């Protein structure tokens, strides 16, 4: 069977310009469906997420427990390379997953912890209470999310942790200007 030749280009000339219209070979393969059969991929995705939403709390609990385990390893063995990386990965995973799973304040607290790990010149010099407060805040936000009025408190707690972390990082990085710009940058975690 011979292949149909594509249509030719059409050129319409005007006094001050030309309009060139090319043939669209995809028009022949486009399938038109009736209005009643329209597929809504966004709607399907939202329905799938709604079906999974009952699991979100469990998943966040697992991630928060992983963060606590990484912190316990640091308390026991110190900031080894592996312990540091595991604490960062656990906090980073929470930062990325929290908004999707319905825990945006936990994401903000996890982002603040990630910033400490990334920008502190010496993690052994970071006050252990600062890291512990971040871990405890994330645990509390995940655990207490279902109770009334916790969203406002969780958001305030995350903002306060970010402020304390930024103050610490500005102080310890005053001689490292390449870090100051990143420290002063606004949060990238979705707000509530």
C-alpha atoms as a PDB file:
ATOM      1  CA  UNK A   1       0.000   0.000   0.000  1.00  0.00           C
ATOM      2  CA  UNK A   2       1.447   3.331  -0.986  1.00  0.00           C
ATOM      3  CA  UNK A   3       1.928   5.890   1.697  1.00  0.00           C
ATOM      4  CA  UNK A   4      -0.059   9.089   1.284  1.00  0.00           C
ATOM      5  CA  UNK A   5       2.058  12.095   0.540  1.00  0.00           C
ATOM      6  CA  UNK A   6       1.854  14.743   3.187  1.00  0.00           C
ATOM      7  CA  UNK A   7      -0.021  17.874   2.208  1.00  0.00           C
ATOM      8  CA  UNK A   8       1.876  20.820   0.972  1.00  0.00           C
ATOM      9  CA  UNK A   9       2.652  23.943   2.875  1.00  0.00           C
ATOM     10  CA  UNK A  10       0.355  26.862   2.290  1.00  0.00           C
ATOM     11  CA  UNK A  11       1.702  30.365   2.201  1.00  0.00           C
ATOM     12  CA  UNK A  12      -0.626  33.335   2.486  1.00  0.00           C
ATOM     13  CA  UNK A  13       0.980  36.628   1.642  1.00  0.00           C
ATOM     14  CA  UNK A  14      -0.077  39.903   3.123  1.00  0.00           C
ATOM     15  CA  UNK A  15       1.293  43.388   2.617  1.00  0.00           C
ATOM     16  CA  UNK A  16       3.523  43.285   5.674  1.00  0.00           C
ATOM     17  CA  UNK A  17       3.919  39.569   6.471  1.00  0.00           C
ATOM     18  CA  UNK A  18       3.486  35.956   5.365  1.00  0.00           C
ATOM     19  CA  UNK A  19       1.600  33.176   7.159  1.00  0.00           C
ATOM     20  CA  UNK A  20       2.989  29.704   6.561  1.00  0.00           C
ATOM     21  CA  UNK A  21       0.716  26.793   7.457  1.00  0.00           C
ATOM     22  CA  UNK A  22       2.217  23.312   7.505  1.00  0.00           C
ATOM     23  CA  UNK A  23       0.157  20.174   7.167  1.00  0.00           C
ATOM     24  CA  UNK A  24      -0.482  18.272  10.386  1.00  0.00           C
ATOM     25  CA  UNK A  25      -0.007  14.526   9.780  1.00  0.00           C
ATOM     26  CA  UNK A  26      -1.061  13.777  13.360  1.00  0.00           C
ATOM     27  CA  UNK A  27      -4.588  14.896  12.580  1.00  0.00           C
ATOM     28  CA  UNK A  28      -5.144  11.580  10.802  1.00  0.00           C
ATOM     29  CA  UNK A  29      -4.206   9.494  13.845  1.00  0.00           C
ATOM     30  CA  UNK A  30      -6.129  11.568  16.365  1.00  0.00           C
ATOM     31  CA  UNK A  31      -9.036   9.644  17.826  1.00  0.00           C
ATOM     32  CA  UNK A  32     -12.104  11.661  18.682  1.00  0.00           C
ATOM     33  CA  UNK A  33     -14.133  10.304  21.589  1.00  0.00           C
ATOM     34  CA  UNK A  34     -17.637  11.286  22.591  1.00  0.00           C
ATOM     35  CA  UNK A  35     -18.026  13.728  25.487  1.00  0.00           C
ATOM     36  CA  UNK A  36     -19.368  10.920  27.677  1.00  0.00           C
ATOM     37  CA  UNK A  37     -16.125   8.901  27.303  1.00  0.00           C
ATOM     38  CA  UNK A  38     -13.646  11.625  28.251  1.00  0.00           C
ATOM     39  CA  UNK A  39     -10.829  10.302  30.403  1.00  0.00           C
ATOM     40  CA  UNK A  40      -9.693  12.520  33.273  1.00  0.00           C
ATOM     41  CA  UNK A  41      -6.174  11.423  34.290  1.00  0.00           C
ATOM     42  CA  UNK A  42      -6.022  14.039  37.057  1.00  0.00           C
ATOM     43  CA  UNK A  43      -9.342  12.799  38.414  1.00  0.00           C
ATOM     44  CA  UNK A  44      -8.091   9.210  38.310  1.00  0.00           C
ATOM     45  CA  UNK A  45      -4.896  10.200  40.134  1.00  0.00           C
ATOM     46  CA  UNK A  46      -6.851  12.083  42.806  1.00  0.00           C
ATOM     47  CA  UNK A  47      -9.125   9.080  43.268  1.00  0.00           C
ATOM     48  CA  UNK A  48      -6.100   6.791  43.614  1.00  0.00           C
ATOM     49  CA  UNK A  49      -4.535   9.142  46.182  1.00  0.00           C
ATOM     50  CA  UNK A  50      -7.794   9.285  48.107  1.00  0.00           C
ATOM     51  CA  UNK A  51      -7.779   5.488  48.208  1.00  0.00           C
ATOM     52  CA  UNK A  52      -4.246   5.517  49.599  1.00  0.00           C
ATOM     53  CA  UNK A  53      -4.746   8.401  52.025  1.00  0.00           C
ATOM     54  CA  UNK A  54      -5.604   6.032  54.862  1.00  0.00           C
ATOM     55  CA  UNK A  55      -2.041   4.726  54.610  1.00  0.00           C
ATOM     56  CA  UNK A  56      -0.404   8.172  54.733  1.00  0.00           C
ATOM     57  CA  UNK A  57      -0.338   8.343  58.536  1.00  0.00           C
ATOM     58  CA  UNK A  58       1.296   4.903  58.692  1.00  0.00           C
ATOM     59  CA  UNK A  59       3.884   5.890  56.086  1.00  0.00           C
ATOM     60  CA  UNK A  60       4.715   9.105  57.905  1.00  0.00           C
ATOM     61  CA  UNK A  61       4.985   7.211  61.185  1.00  0.00           C
ATOM     62  CA  UNK A  62       7.462   4.827  59.553  1.00  0.00           C
ATOM     63  CA  UNK A  63       9.492   7.772  58.199  1.00  0.00           C
ATOM     64  CA  UNK A  64       9.439   9.537  61.595  1.00  0.00           C
ATOM     65  CA  UNK A  65      10.569   6.323  63.299  1.00  0.00           C
ATOM     66  CA  UNK A  66      13.400   6.023  60.767  1.00  0.00           C
ATOM     67  CA  UNK A  67      14.448   9.578  61.638  1.00  0.00           C
ATOM     68  CA  UNK A  68      14.395   8.749  65.361  1.00  0.00           C
ATOM     69  CA  UNK A  69      16.469   5.611  64.768  1.00  0.00           C
ATOM     70  CA  UNK A  70      19.052   7.648  62.849  1.00  0.00           C
ATOM     71  CA  UNK A  71      19.160  10.153  65.708  1.00  0.00           C
ATOM     72  CA  UNK A  72      19.601   7.346  68.279  1.00  0.00           C
ATOM     73  CA  UNK A  73      22.532   5.996  66.247  1.00  0.00           C
ATOM     74  CA  UNK A  74      24.141   9.449  66.367  1.00  0.00           C
ATOM     75  CA  UNK A  75      23.613   9.715  70.112  1.00  0.00           C
ATOM     76  CA  UNK A  76      25.172   6.270  70.526  1.00  0.00           C
ATOM     77  CA  UNK A  77      28.038   6.403  67.982  1.00  0.00           C
ATOM     78  CA  UNK A  78      28.451  10.087  67.114  1.00  0.00           C
ATOM     79  CA  UNK A  79      28.340  11.751  63.705  1.00  0.00           C
ATOM     80  CA  UNK A  80      29.962   9.069  61.585  1.00  0.00           C
ATOM     81  CA  UNK A  81      29.636   9.515  57.833  1.00  0.00           C
ATOM     82  CA  UNK A  82      26.969   6.798  57.643  1.00  0.00           C
ATOM     83  CA  UNK A  83      25.006   8.172  60.608  1.00  0.00           C
ATOM     84  CA  UNK A  84      25.104  11.701  59.203  1.00  0.00           C
ATOM     85  CA  UNK A  85      23.941  10.503  55.786  1.00  0.00           C
ATOM     86  CA  UNK A  86      21.108   8.417  57.261  1.00  0.00           C
ATOM     87  CA  UNK A  87      19.881  11.318  59.412  1.00  0.00           C
ATOM     88  CA  UNK A  88      19.969  13.609  56.386  1.00  0.00           C
ATOM     89  CA  UNK A  89      18.186  11.091  54.110  1.00  0.00           C
ATOM     90  CA  UNK A  90      15.477  10.439  56.696  1.00  0.00           C
ATOM     91  CA  UNK A  91      14.885  14.178  57.217  1.00  0.00           C
ATOM     92  CA  UNK A  92      15.027  14.826  53.476  1.00  0.00           C
ATOM     93  CA  UNK A  93      12.474  12.068  52.761  1.00  0.00           C
ATOM     94  CA  UNK A  94      10.103  13.565  55.327  1.00  0.00           C
ATOM     95  CA  UNK A  95      10.660  17.020  53.827  1.00  0.00           C
ATOM     96  CA  UNK A  96       9.662  15.685  50.408  1.00  0.00           C
ATOM     97  CA  UNK A  97       6.767  13.439  51.447  1.00  0.00           C
ATOM     98  CA  UNK A  98       5.164  15.442  54.241  1.00  0.00           C
ATOM     99  CA  UNK A  99       2.982  17.794  52.186  1.00  0.00           C
ATOM    100  CA  UNK A 100       1.698  14.949  49.989  1.00  0.00           C
ATOM    101  CA  UNK A 101       0.876  12.865  53.040  1.00  0.00           C
ATOM    102  CA  UNK A 102      -0.890  15.759  54.790  1.00  0.00           C
ATOM    103  CA  UNK A 103       1.865  16.777  57.233  1.00  0.00           C
ATOM    104  CA  UNK A 104       3.219  20.081  55.834  1.00  0.00           C
ATOM    105  CA  UNK A 105       4.477  21.295  59.233  1.00  0.00           C
ATOM    106  CA  UNK A 106       6.545  18.130  59.613  1.00  0.00           C
ATOM    107  CA  UNK A 107       8.035  18.935  56.205  1.00  0.00           C
ATOM    108  CA  UNK A 108       8.996  22.426  57.369  1.00  0.00           C
ATOM    109  CA  UNK A 109      10.663  21.059  60.524  1.00  0.00           C
ATOM    110  CA  UNK A 110      12.470  18.402  58.456  1.00  0.00           C
ATOM    111  CA  UNK A 111      13.681  21.065  56.024  1.00  0.00           C
ATOM    112  CA  UNK A 112      15.082  23.059  58.937  1.00  0.00           C
ATOM    113  CA  UNK A 113      16.929  19.940  60.159  1.00  0.00           C
ATOM    114  CA  UNK A 114      18.285  19.311  56.642  1.00  0.00           C
ATOM    115  CA  UNK A 115      19.599  22.880  56.551  1.00  0.00           C
ATOM    116  CA  UNK A 116      21.449  22.344  59.830  1.00  0.00           C
ATOM    117  CA  UNK A 117      23.026  19.141  58.525  1.00  0.00           C
ATOM    118  CA  UNK A 118      23.987  20.787  55.221  1.00  0.00           C
ATOM    119  CA  UNK A 119      25.326  24.099  56.495  1.00  0.00           C
ATOM    120  CA  UNK A 120      26.805  23.497  59.944  1.00  0.00           C
ATOM    121  CA  UNK A 121      30.584  23.513  59.534  1.00  0.00           C
ATOM    122  CA  UNK A 122      31.001  20.862  62.249  1.00  0.00           C
ATOM    123  CA  UNK A 123      27.986  18.795  63.291  1.00  0.00           C
ATOM    124  CA  UNK A 124      29.705  17.843  66.541  1.00  0.00           C
ATOM    125  CA  UNK A 125      29.504  21.535  67.487  1.00  0.00           C
ATOM    126  CA  UNK A 126      25.741  21.776  66.868  1.00  0.00           C
ATOM    127  CA  UNK A 127      23.921  21.862  70.201  1.00  0.00           C
ATOM    128  CA  UNK A 128      22.425  18.389  70.589  1.00  0.00           C
ATOM    129  CA  UNK A 129      19.217  19.984  71.898  1.00  0.00           C
ATOM    130  CA  UNK A 130      18.714  21.749  68.555  1.00  0.00           C
ATOM    131  CA  UNK A 131      18.695  18.456  66.665  1.00  0.00           C
ATOM    132  CA  UNK A 132      16.655  16.731  69.390  1.00  0.00           C
ATOM    133  CA  UNK A 133      14.022  19.494  69.278  1.00  0.00           C
ATOM    134  CA  UNK A 134      13.653  19.012  65.524  1.00  0.00           C
ATOM    135  CA  UNK A 135      13.276  15.233  65.892  1.00  0.00           C
ATOM    136  CA  UNK A 136      10.771  15.610  68.750  1.00  0.00           C
ATOM    137  CA  UNK A 137       8.782  18.216  66.806  1.00  0.00           C
ATOM    138  CA  UNK A 138       8.499  15.968  63.757  1.00  0.00           C
ATOM    139  CA  UNK A 139       7.454  13.031  65.956  1.00  0.00           C
ATOM    140  CA  UNK A 140       4.825  15.166  67.731  1.00  0.00           C
ATOM    141  CA  UNK A 141       3.441  16.598  64.494  1.00  0.00           C
ATOM    142  CA  UNK A 142       3.059  13.126  62.988  1.00  0.00           C
ATOM    143  CA  UNK A 143       1.594  11.662  66.176  1.00  0.00           C
ATOM    144  CA  UNK A 144      -0.811  14.517  67.028  1.00  0.00           C
ATOM    145  CA  UNK A 145      -1.983  15.564  63.566  1.00  0.00           C
ATOM    146  CA  UNK A 146      -5.448  14.109  63.964  1.00  0.00           C
ATOM    147  CA  UNK A 147      -6.265  16.182  67.047  1.00  0.00           C
ATOM    148  CA  UNK A 148      -8.079  19.509  66.761  1.00  0.00           C
ATOM    149  CA  UNK A 149      -6.104  22.762  66.660  1.00  0.00           C
ATOM    150  CA  UNK A 150      -2.755  21.031  66.153  1.00  0.00           C
ATOM    151  CA  UNK A 151      -2.142  22.460  62.675  1.00  0.00           C
ATOM    152  CA  UNK A 152      -1.722  26.000  63.982  1.00  0.00           C
ATOM    153  CA  UNK A 153       0.533  24.880  66.811  1.00  0.00           C
ATOM    154  CA  UNK A 154       2.576  22.640  64.496  1.00  0.00           C
ATOM    155  CA  UNK A 155       3.041  25.476  62.027  1.00  0.00           C
ATOM    156  CA  UNK A 156       4.149  27.868  64.782  1.00  0.00           C
ATOM    157  CA  UNK A 157       6.538  25.242  66.158  1.00  0.00           C
ATOM    158  CA  UNK A 158       8.086  24.641  62.720  1.00  0.00           C
ATOM    159  CA  UNK A 159       8.544  28.380  62.158  1.00  0.00           C
ATOM    160  CA  UNK A 160      10.169  28.791  65.561  1.00  0.00           C
ATOM    161  CA  UNK A 161      12.534  25.866  64.924  1.00  0.00           C
ATOM    162  CA  UNK A 162      13.469  27.378  61.560  1.00  0.00           C
ATOM    163  CA  UNK A 163      14.192  30.705  63.253  1.00  0.00           C
ATOM    164  CA  UNK A 164      16.414  29.136  65.922  1.00  0.00           C
ATOM    165  CA  UNK A 165      18.202  27.008  63.312  1.00  0.00           C
ATOM    166  CA  UNK A 166      18.782  30.022  61.051  1.00  0.00           C
ATOM    167  CA  UNK A 167      20.112  32.068  63.972  1.00  0.00           C
ATOM    168  CA  UNK A 168      22.556  29.277  64.839  1.00  0.00           C
ATOM    169  CA  UNK A 169      23.622  28.798  61.218  1.00  0.00           C
ATOM    170  CA  UNK A 170      24.174  32.521  60.681  1.00  0.00           C
ATOM    171  CA  UNK A 171      26.389  32.627  63.759  1.00  0.00           C
ATOM    172  CA  UNK A 172      28.549  29.605  62.873  1.00  0.00           C
ATOM    173  CA  UNK A 173      28.798  30.569  59.197  1.00  0.00           C
ATOM    174  CA  UNK A 174      29.632  34.260  59.629  1.00  0.00           C
ATOM    175  CA  UNK A 175      33.080  33.545  58.134  1.00  0.00           C
ATOM    176  CA  UNK A 176      31.671  31.385  55.315  1.00  0.00           C
ATOM    177  CA  UNK A 177      29.839  33.798  52.965  1.00  0.00           C
ATOM    178  CA  UNK A 178      29.163  31.063  50.403  1.00  0.00           C
ATOM    179  CA  UNK A 179      26.743  29.488  52.895  1.00  0.00           C
ATOM    180  CA  UNK A 180      25.018  32.676  54.016  1.00  0.00           C
ATOM    181  CA  UNK A 181      23.016  33.092  50.805  1.00  0.00           C
ATOM    182  CA  UNK A 182      21.570  29.579  51.118  1.00  0.00           C
ATOM    183  CA  UNK A 183      20.839  30.063  54.810  1.00  0.00           C
ATOM    184  CA  UNK A 184      18.971  33.304  54.170  1.00  0.00           C
ATOM    185  CA  UNK A 185      16.957  31.826  51.282  1.00  0.00           C
ATOM    186  CA  UNK A 186      13.236  31.301  51.870  1.00  0.00           C
ATOM    187  CA  UNK A 187      11.824  27.848  52.524  1.00  0.00           C
ATOM    188  CA  UNK A 188      11.124  25.578  49.567  1.00  0.00           C
ATOM    189  CA  UNK A 189       8.670  23.391  51.487  1.00  0.00           C
ATOM    190  CA  UNK A 190       5.018  23.972  50.527  1.00  0.00           C
ATOM    191  CA  UNK A 191       3.197  26.065  53.118  1.00  0.00           C
ATOM    192  CA  UNK A 192       0.023  24.944  54.793  1.00  0.00           C
END
